[in-house]
Amino acid sequence: MTNPIFSVCVTTFNMAEYIEKAITNIINQTVNFNIEILVCDDCSNDNTLKILANFEFLQNFIIVKNTENLGVLKSLNKLINLAKGQYIALLDADDYWASKNHLQSHFDIYENNKEIGFIFGNYKIFEEKTGKWRIGMPPEFLFPKTKQFEFSIINYPILTSTSSFRKDLLTIEEVNNYILNKFPTSDYGIYLGLMLKTTGCYISEASTLYNFRNNSQSRKSNVYARIDHIINRHKIGDYFIAKHPVSNQLLSKRNFLFNQKILLASWLTNNFDFIKGKAKNLSLIEFIKYNPKAAYIHIASHSKILYKLLRPWVLRKRPPGK
């Protein structure tokens, strides 16, 4: 195939249960341009490669087979380096696009808005545990037209499988630096970096179906591993803040939200000494300033009796303080 406009990049590891649906979904996109599909298998030991072999007859289908497990960022980097399209669309192997016009809608925005460098959208979440669907972003969500980096360093809004970007905005050197700094995820670093050089666009339509799996990278069943992931992800933001300083006020809020997230995750351990240690990184004054309704969590994190009484309440489905 010649001159693909979109390169769809999929990284996979042991996704035999989902990969066929994801690839078929890409193939069934309704577009008026050429696309290519690039898949990197990161040493799966299930039937992923056998399933992918069923698509090898396609001219626009490329499979990269890692000889050792490299992780998602290095795997994605291989695909980006091979991609020939003007635009890169990302899709996790366990997600799929609900709309057949997903790529076409992104293409139309790019063609009509030369200042737009990346796009992401809303999504529906399938919760593996409950078997139910819910909307990802609320109807009132707005992505600012300016200071998108500052907005996202506090509350990163982009789901990988909803997103795409102009390939020429991402350099090989940048991704190599992300790898050198051992970024634990692929999208967070890529899009924070893009926000420092271009403008992004949000589509409110939920065109992506996101599979909320219980033991995925960001929701590891081992709570301590999950906390380590949160810490390492936070360091990605530190990397970019060093290059693009933000206000002390924003840093203070970011630091609070990070430590609050760590504290809430620590409550899942049921290890009071561990929880109390994490609570030392926060003050009651910070809770009063940024999240007063959840101040009781800080207090209970210093009292074993209150902790045992309030643990069922804190770990309920509703956000703490509401």
Protein backbone atom coordinates (compact mmCIF):
# COMPACT_ATOMS: atom_id res chain seq x y z
CA MET A 1 0.00 0.00 0.00
CA THR A 2 1.24 3.48 -0.80
CA ASN A 3 0.90 6.73 1.09
CA PRO A 4 -1.07 5.81 4.22
CA ILE A 5 -2.55 8.87 5.89
CA PHE A 6 -3.12 7.26 9.28
CA SER A 7 -0.88 4.73 10.99
CA VAL A 8 -2.75 2.87 13.72
CA CYS A 9 -0.32 1.58 16.36
CA VAL A 10 -1.27 -1.28 18.69
CA THR A 11 0.99 -2.76 21.36
CA THR A 12 -0.01 -6.07 22.87
CA PHE A 13 1.05 -8.55 25.51
CA ASN A 14 -1.09 -11.62 26.21
CA MET A 15 -4.23 -10.09 24.73
CA ALA A 16 -5.54 -13.12 22.84
CA GLU A 17 -8.96 -12.58 24.37
CA TYR A 18 -9.28 -9.10 22.88
CA ILE A 19 -6.87 -8.58 19.97
CA GLU A 20 -9.04 -9.96 17.16
CA LYS A 21 -11.88 -7.59 18.00
CA ALA A 22 -9.49 -4.64 18.20
CA ILE A 23 -7.91 -5.34 14.79
CA THR A 24 -11.24 -6.09 13.11
CA ASN A 25 -12.56 -2.83 14.48
CA ILE A 26 -9.71 -0.92 12.83
CA ILE A 27 -10.26 -2.67 9.51
CA ASN A 28 -13.96 -1.76 9.59
CA GLN A 29 -13.33 1.96 9.94
CA THR A 30 -15.12 4.04 7.28
CA VAL A 31 -12.52 6.37 5.82
CA ASN A 32 -11.76 8.14 2.53
CA PHE A 33 -8.00 7.70 2.89
CA ASN A 34 -5.47 4.88 3.27
CA ILE A 35 -4.52 3.51 6.66
CA GLU A 36 -1.91 1.06 7.88
CA ILE A 37 -2.06 -1.11 10.98
CA LEU A 38 1.10 -1.79 12.97
CA VAL A 39 1.09 -4.23 15.87
CA CYS A 40 3.96 -4.94 18.23
CA ASP A 41 3.70 -8.17 20.23
CA ASP A 42 5.79 -7.96 23.38
CA CYS A 43 6.59 -11.69 23.75
CA SER A 44 3.08 -12.94 24.42
CA ASN A 45 2.87 -16.51 25.65
CA ASP A 46 -0.80 -17.00 24.82
CA ASN A 47 -2.46 -17.28 21.36
CA THR A 48 -1.97 -13.63 20.43
CA LEU A 49 0.48 -14.33 17.58
CA LYS A 50 -1.71 -17.08 16.14
CA ILE A 51 -4.63 -14.68 16.01
CA LEU A 52 -2.53 -11.93 14.46
CA ALA A 53 -1.36 -14.38 11.78
CA ASN A 54 -4.92 -14.43 10.46
CA PHE A 55 -4.49 -10.80 9.37
CA GLU A 56 -1.10 -11.13 7.69
CA PHE A 57 -2.70 -11.36 4.24
CA LEU A 58 -3.57 -7.66 4.48
CA GLN A 59 -1.19 -5.40 2.59
CA ASN A 60 -1.50 -2.67 5.19
CA PHE A 61 -0.80 -4.92 8.17
CA ILE A 62 2.61 -5.10 9.89
CA ILE A 63 3.50 -7.31 12.85
CA VAL A 64 6.59 -6.63 14.93
CA LYS A 65 7.58 -9.54 17.17
CA ASN A 66 9.80 -8.63 20.11
CA THR A 67 12.39 -11.25 21.02
CA GLU A 68 12.33 -10.07 24.64
CA ASN A 69 9.77 -8.28 26.75
CA LEU A 70 10.47 -4.57 26.31
CA GLY A 71 7.41 -2.88 27.80
CA VAL A 72 4.83 -0.65 26.17
CA LEU A 73 6.95 2.46 25.50
CA LYS A 74 9.80 0.68 23.71
CA SER A 75 7.27 -1.40 21.77
CA LEU A 76 5.32 1.67 20.69
CA ASN A 77 8.55 3.41 19.72
CA LYS A 78 9.30 0.61 17.26
CA LEU A 79 5.92 1.12 15.62
CA ILE A 80 6.20 4.90 15.43
CA ASN A 81 9.60 4.57 13.75
CA LEU A 82 8.07 2.24 11.15
CA ALA A 83 4.90 4.28 10.61
CA LYS A 84 4.49 5.99 7.25
CA GLY A 85 1.32 7.93 7.98
CA GLN A 86 1.01 11.65 8.57
CA TYR A 87 -0.98 10.89 11.70
CA ILE A 88 -0.52 8.31 14.44
CA ALA A 89 -3.60 6.81 16.10
CA LEU A 90 -3.14 4.76 19.26
CA LEU A 91 -5.29 1.81 20.30
CA ASP A 92 -4.69 -0.50 23.24
CA ALA A 93 -5.18 -4.13 22.32
CA ASP A 94 -8.03 -4.63 24.80
CA ASP A 95 -10.02 -1.58 23.65
CA TYR A 96 -11.90 -0.84 20.45
CA TRP A 97 -13.63 2.01 18.66
CA ALA A 98 -17.42 2.11 18.96
CA SER A 99 -17.73 4.48 16.00
CA LYS A 100 -16.76 3.47 12.47
CA ASN A 101 -16.02 7.16 11.86
CA HIS A 102 -13.43 7.45 14.63
CA LEU A 103 -10.44 7.94 12.30
CA GLN A 104 -12.38 9.97 9.75
CA SER A 105 -13.51 12.44 12.41
CA HIS A 106 -9.91 12.93 13.54
CA PHE A 107 -8.74 13.37 9.95
CA ASP A 108 -11.39 16.00 9.22
CA ILE A 109 -10.35 18.02 12.28
CA TYR A 110 -6.68 17.91 11.32
CA GLU A 111 -7.35 18.91 7.72
CA ASN A 112 -9.55 21.84 8.72
CA ASN A 113 -7.47 23.02 11.67
CA LYS A 114 -3.75 23.16 10.94
CA GLU A 115 -2.98 24.41 14.46
CA ILE A 116 -4.35 21.21 16.04
CA GLY A 117 -1.51 18.79 16.82
CA PHE A 118 -3.31 16.07 18.76
CA ILE A 119 -6.84 14.86 19.40
CA PHE A 120 -8.49 12.80 22.10
CA GLY A 121 -12.08 12.01 22.94
CA ASN A 122 -14.62 10.69 25.37
CA TYR A 123 -15.14 7.00 25.98
CA LYS A 124 -17.34 4.40 27.59
CA ILE A 125 -15.89 2.16 30.29
CA PHE A 126 -16.69 -1.52 30.61
CA GLU A 127 -16.00 -2.58 34.17
CA GLU A 128 -14.80 -6.16 34.15
CA LYS A 129 -15.77 -6.66 37.78
CA THR A 130 -19.39 -5.51 37.47
CA GLY A 131 -20.03 -6.22 33.80
CA LYS A 132 -21.56 -2.75 33.39
CA TRP A 133 -20.86 0.28 31.18
CA ARG A 134 -20.42 3.88 32.29
CA ILE A 135 -19.36 7.10 30.57
CA GLY A 136 -15.75 8.15 31.02
CA MET A 137 -15.82 11.95 30.96
CA PRO A 138 -18.84 13.89 32.28
CA PRO A 139 -20.87 16.01 29.81
CA GLU A 140 -19.62 19.21 31.43
CA PHE A 141 -15.94 18.38 30.83
CA LEU A 142 -14.09 21.01 28.84
CA PHE A 143 -10.48 20.87 27.68
CA PRO A 144 -9.02 24.39 27.78
CA LYS A 145 -7.80 26.01 24.59
CA THR A 146 -4.80 27.52 26.37
CA LYS A 147 -2.47 26.31 29.13
CA GLN A 148 -3.27 22.71 28.29
CA PHE A 149 -0.04 21.51 29.87
CA GLU A 150 -0.83 23.23 33.15
CA PHE A 151 -4.33 21.74 33.11
CA SER A 152 -3.07 18.21 32.37
CA ILE A 153 -0.24 18.21 34.88
CA ILE A 154 -2.95 18.35 37.55
CA ASN A 155 -5.61 16.13 36.02
CA TYR A 156 -4.44 14.29 32.92
CA PRO A 157 -7.57 13.69 30.79
CA ILE A 158 -6.36 11.60 27.83
CA LEU A 159 -7.25 7.95 27.38
CA THR A 160 -4.73 6.38 25.00
CA SER A 161 -7.21 4.58 22.76
CA THR A 162 -9.15 7.77 22.03
CA SER A 163 -6.10 9.66 20.83
CA SER A 164 -4.04 10.56 17.78
CA PHE A 165 -1.34 13.08 16.87
CA ARG A 166 0.58 14.52 13.93
CA LYS A 167 3.63 12.32 13.52
CA ASP A 168 5.99 15.13 12.58
CA LEU A 169 5.49 16.75 16.00
CA LEU A 170 7.12 13.85 17.85
CA THR A 171 10.85 13.44 17.37
CA ILE A 172 12.91 10.27 17.73
CA GLU A 173 15.13 12.04 20.26
CA GLU A 174 12.17 12.86 22.49
CA VAL A 175 10.94 9.27 22.67
CA ASN A 176 14.48 8.01 23.23
CA ASN A 177 14.73 10.37 26.20
CA TYR A 178 11.43 9.05 27.56
CA ILE A 179 12.83 5.52 27.29
CA LEU A 180 16.11 6.58 28.90
CA ASN A 181 14.15 8.05 31.80
CA LYS A 182 12.15 4.81 32.09
CA PHE A 183 8.69 6.28 31.67
CA PRO A 184 6.27 3.55 32.83
CA THR A 185 3.55 4.52 30.33
CA SER A 186 3.57 5.61 26.71
CA ASP A 187 0.81 8.18 26.27
CA TYR A 188 1.38 10.41 29.30
CA GLY A 189 4.86 11.49 28.30
CA ILE A 190 4.05 11.79 24.61
CA TYR A 191 1.06 14.06 25.12
CA LEU A 192 2.57 16.21 27.88
CA GLY A 193 5.48 16.79 25.51
CA LEU A 194 3.14 17.65 22.65
CA MET A 195 1.27 20.13 24.83
CA LEU A 196 4.46 22.17 25.12
CA LYS A 197 4.64 22.68 21.37
CA THR A 198 1.11 22.42 19.94
CA THR A 199 -2.61 22.64 20.71
CA GLY A 200 -4.90 19.69 21.35
CA CYS A 201 -8.58 19.14 20.68
CA TYR A 202 -11.19 17.18 22.67
CA ILE A 203 -14.15 15.37 21.06
CA SER A 204 -17.07 14.90 23.45
CA GLU A 205 -18.50 11.96 21.52
CA ALA A 206 -17.71 8.66 23.25
CA SER A 207 -16.29 6.86 20.22
CA THR A 208 -14.07 4.46 22.18
CA LEU A 209 -14.95 1.51 24.40
CA TYR A 210 -12.42 1.11 27.19
CA ASN A 211 -12.00 -2.23 28.94
CA PHE A 212 -11.47 -1.54 32.64
CA ARG A 213 -9.51 -4.64 33.62
CA ASN A 214 -8.80 -5.33 37.26
CA ASN A 215 -5.10 -6.19 36.91
CA SER A 216 -4.01 -3.83 34.16
CA GLN A 217 -0.87 -1.73 34.53
CA SER A 218 -2.55 1.15 36.37
CA ARG A 219 -4.86 -1.07 38.45
CA LYS A 220 -2.54 -3.83 39.60
CA SER A 221 -4.05 -6.30 42.05
CA ASN A 222 -0.95 -5.85 44.23
CA VAL A 223 -1.64 -2.53 45.94
CA TYR A 224 2.03 -1.83 46.63
CA ALA A 225 2.80 -2.32 42.93
CA ARG A 226 -0.06 0.04 42.11
CA ILE A 227 1.39 2.68 44.41
CA ASP A 228 4.80 2.27 42.78
CA HIS A 229 3.13 2.83 39.40
CA ILE A 230 1.48 6.04 40.65
CA ILE A 231 4.84 7.29 41.93
CA ASN A 232 6.68 6.47 38.70
CA ARG A 233 3.93 8.07 36.62
CA HIS A 234 4.15 11.21 38.75
CA LYS A 235 7.86 11.40 37.91
CA ILE A 236 6.93 11.82 34.24
CA GLY A 237 5.29 15.10 35.16
CA ASP A 238 8.39 16.09 37.13
CA TYR A 239 10.46 15.52 33.98
CA PHE A 240 8.41 18.02 31.99
CA ILE A 241 8.04 20.55 34.81
CA ALA A 242 11.84 20.72 34.93
CA LYS A 243 11.72 21.81 31.30
CA HIS A 244 8.62 23.97 31.61
CA PRO A 245 8.33 25.40 35.15
CA VAL A 246 4.85 26.07 36.51
CA SER A 247 3.65 28.32 39.32
CA ASN A 248 4.25 27.45 42.96
CA GLN A 249 0.49 27.46 43.46
CA LEU A 250 0.04 24.82 40.78
CA LEU A 251 2.93 22.77 42.17
CA SER A 252 1.38 22.87 45.62
CA LYS A 253 -1.96 21.61 44.36
CA ARG A 254 -0.31 18.93 42.23
CA ASN A 255 1.73 17.74 45.19
CA PHE A 256 -1.39 17.52 47.35
CA LEU A 257 -3.39 15.56 44.76
CA PHE A 258 -0.49 13.16 44.26
CA ASN A 259 -0.03 12.48 47.97
CA GLN A 260 -3.78 12.21 48.49
CA LYS A 261 -3.91 9.58 45.74
CA ILE A 262 -1.07 7.66 47.36
CA LEU A 263 -2.80 7.86 50.75
CA LEU A 264 -6.12 6.61 49.39
CA ALA A 265 -4.37 3.75 47.60
CA SER A 266 -2.55 2.88 50.83
CA TRP A 267 -5.91 2.36 52.57
CA LEU A 268 -6.39 -0.67 50.34
CA THR A 269 -3.40 -2.36 52.01
CA ASN A 270 -5.13 -2.55 55.40
CA ASN A 271 -1.64 -1.90 56.81
CA PHE A 272 -2.12 0.92 59.30
CA ASP A 273 1.58 1.60 59.87
CA PHE A 274 2.08 1.95 56.11
CA ILE A 275 -0.96 4.23 55.87
CA LYS A 276 0.22 6.40 58.74
CA GLY A 277 3.59 6.77 57.02
CA LYS A 278 1.95 7.99 53.81
CA ALA A 279 -0.25 10.41 55.78
CA LYS A 280 2.89 12.20 57.00
CA ASN A 281 3.33 13.60 53.49
CA LEU A 282 0.11 15.60 53.90
CA SER A 283 -1.18 18.14 56.38
CA LEU A 284 -4.66 18.87 57.63
CA ILE A 285 -4.21 22.44 56.39
CA GLU A 286 -3.70 21.12 52.84
CA PHE A 287 -6.89 19.08 53.05
CA ILE A 288 -8.80 22.10 54.31
CA LYS A 289 -7.42 24.13 51.41
CA TYR A 290 -7.87 21.66 48.55
CA ASN A 291 -10.39 19.02 49.65
CA PRO A 292 -12.03 19.94 52.99
CA LYS A 293 -14.78 17.31 52.68
CA ALA A 294 -12.12 14.60 52.77
CA ALA A 295 -10.20 15.98 55.76
CA TYR A 296 -11.52 13.13 57.89
CA ILE A 297 -9.32 10.75 55.86
CA HIS A 298 -6.20 12.53 57.05
CA ILE A 299 -7.38 12.45 60.66
CA ALA A 300 -8.33 8.77 60.48
CA SER A 301 -4.95 7.93 58.96
CA HIS A 302 -3.38 8.84 62.30
CA SER A 303 -5.85 6.95 64.49
CA LYS A 304 -6.12 3.17 64.27
CA ILE A 305 -9.57 3.18 65.86
CA LEU A 306 -10.94 5.79 63.43
CA TYR A 307 -9.24 4.00 60.55
CA LYS A 308 -11.02 0.72 61.28
CA LEU A 309 -14.35 2.50 61.71
CA LEU A 310 -14.07 4.58 58.53
CA ARG A 311 -12.29 2.16 56.18
CA PRO A 312 -15.53 0.75 54.66
CA TRP A 313 -16.74 4.32 54.12
CA VAL A 314 -13.53 5.58 52.55
CA LEU A 315 -13.28 2.61 50.19
CA ARG A 316 -16.86 2.93 48.96
CA LYS A 317 -17.45 3.59 45.26
CA ARG A 318 -18.19 7.29 45.70
CA PRO A 319 -15.20 9.69 45.72
CA PRO A 320 -14.02 10.46 49.29
CA GLY A 321 -15.62 13.56 50.75
CA LYS A 322 -18.81 13.26 48.71
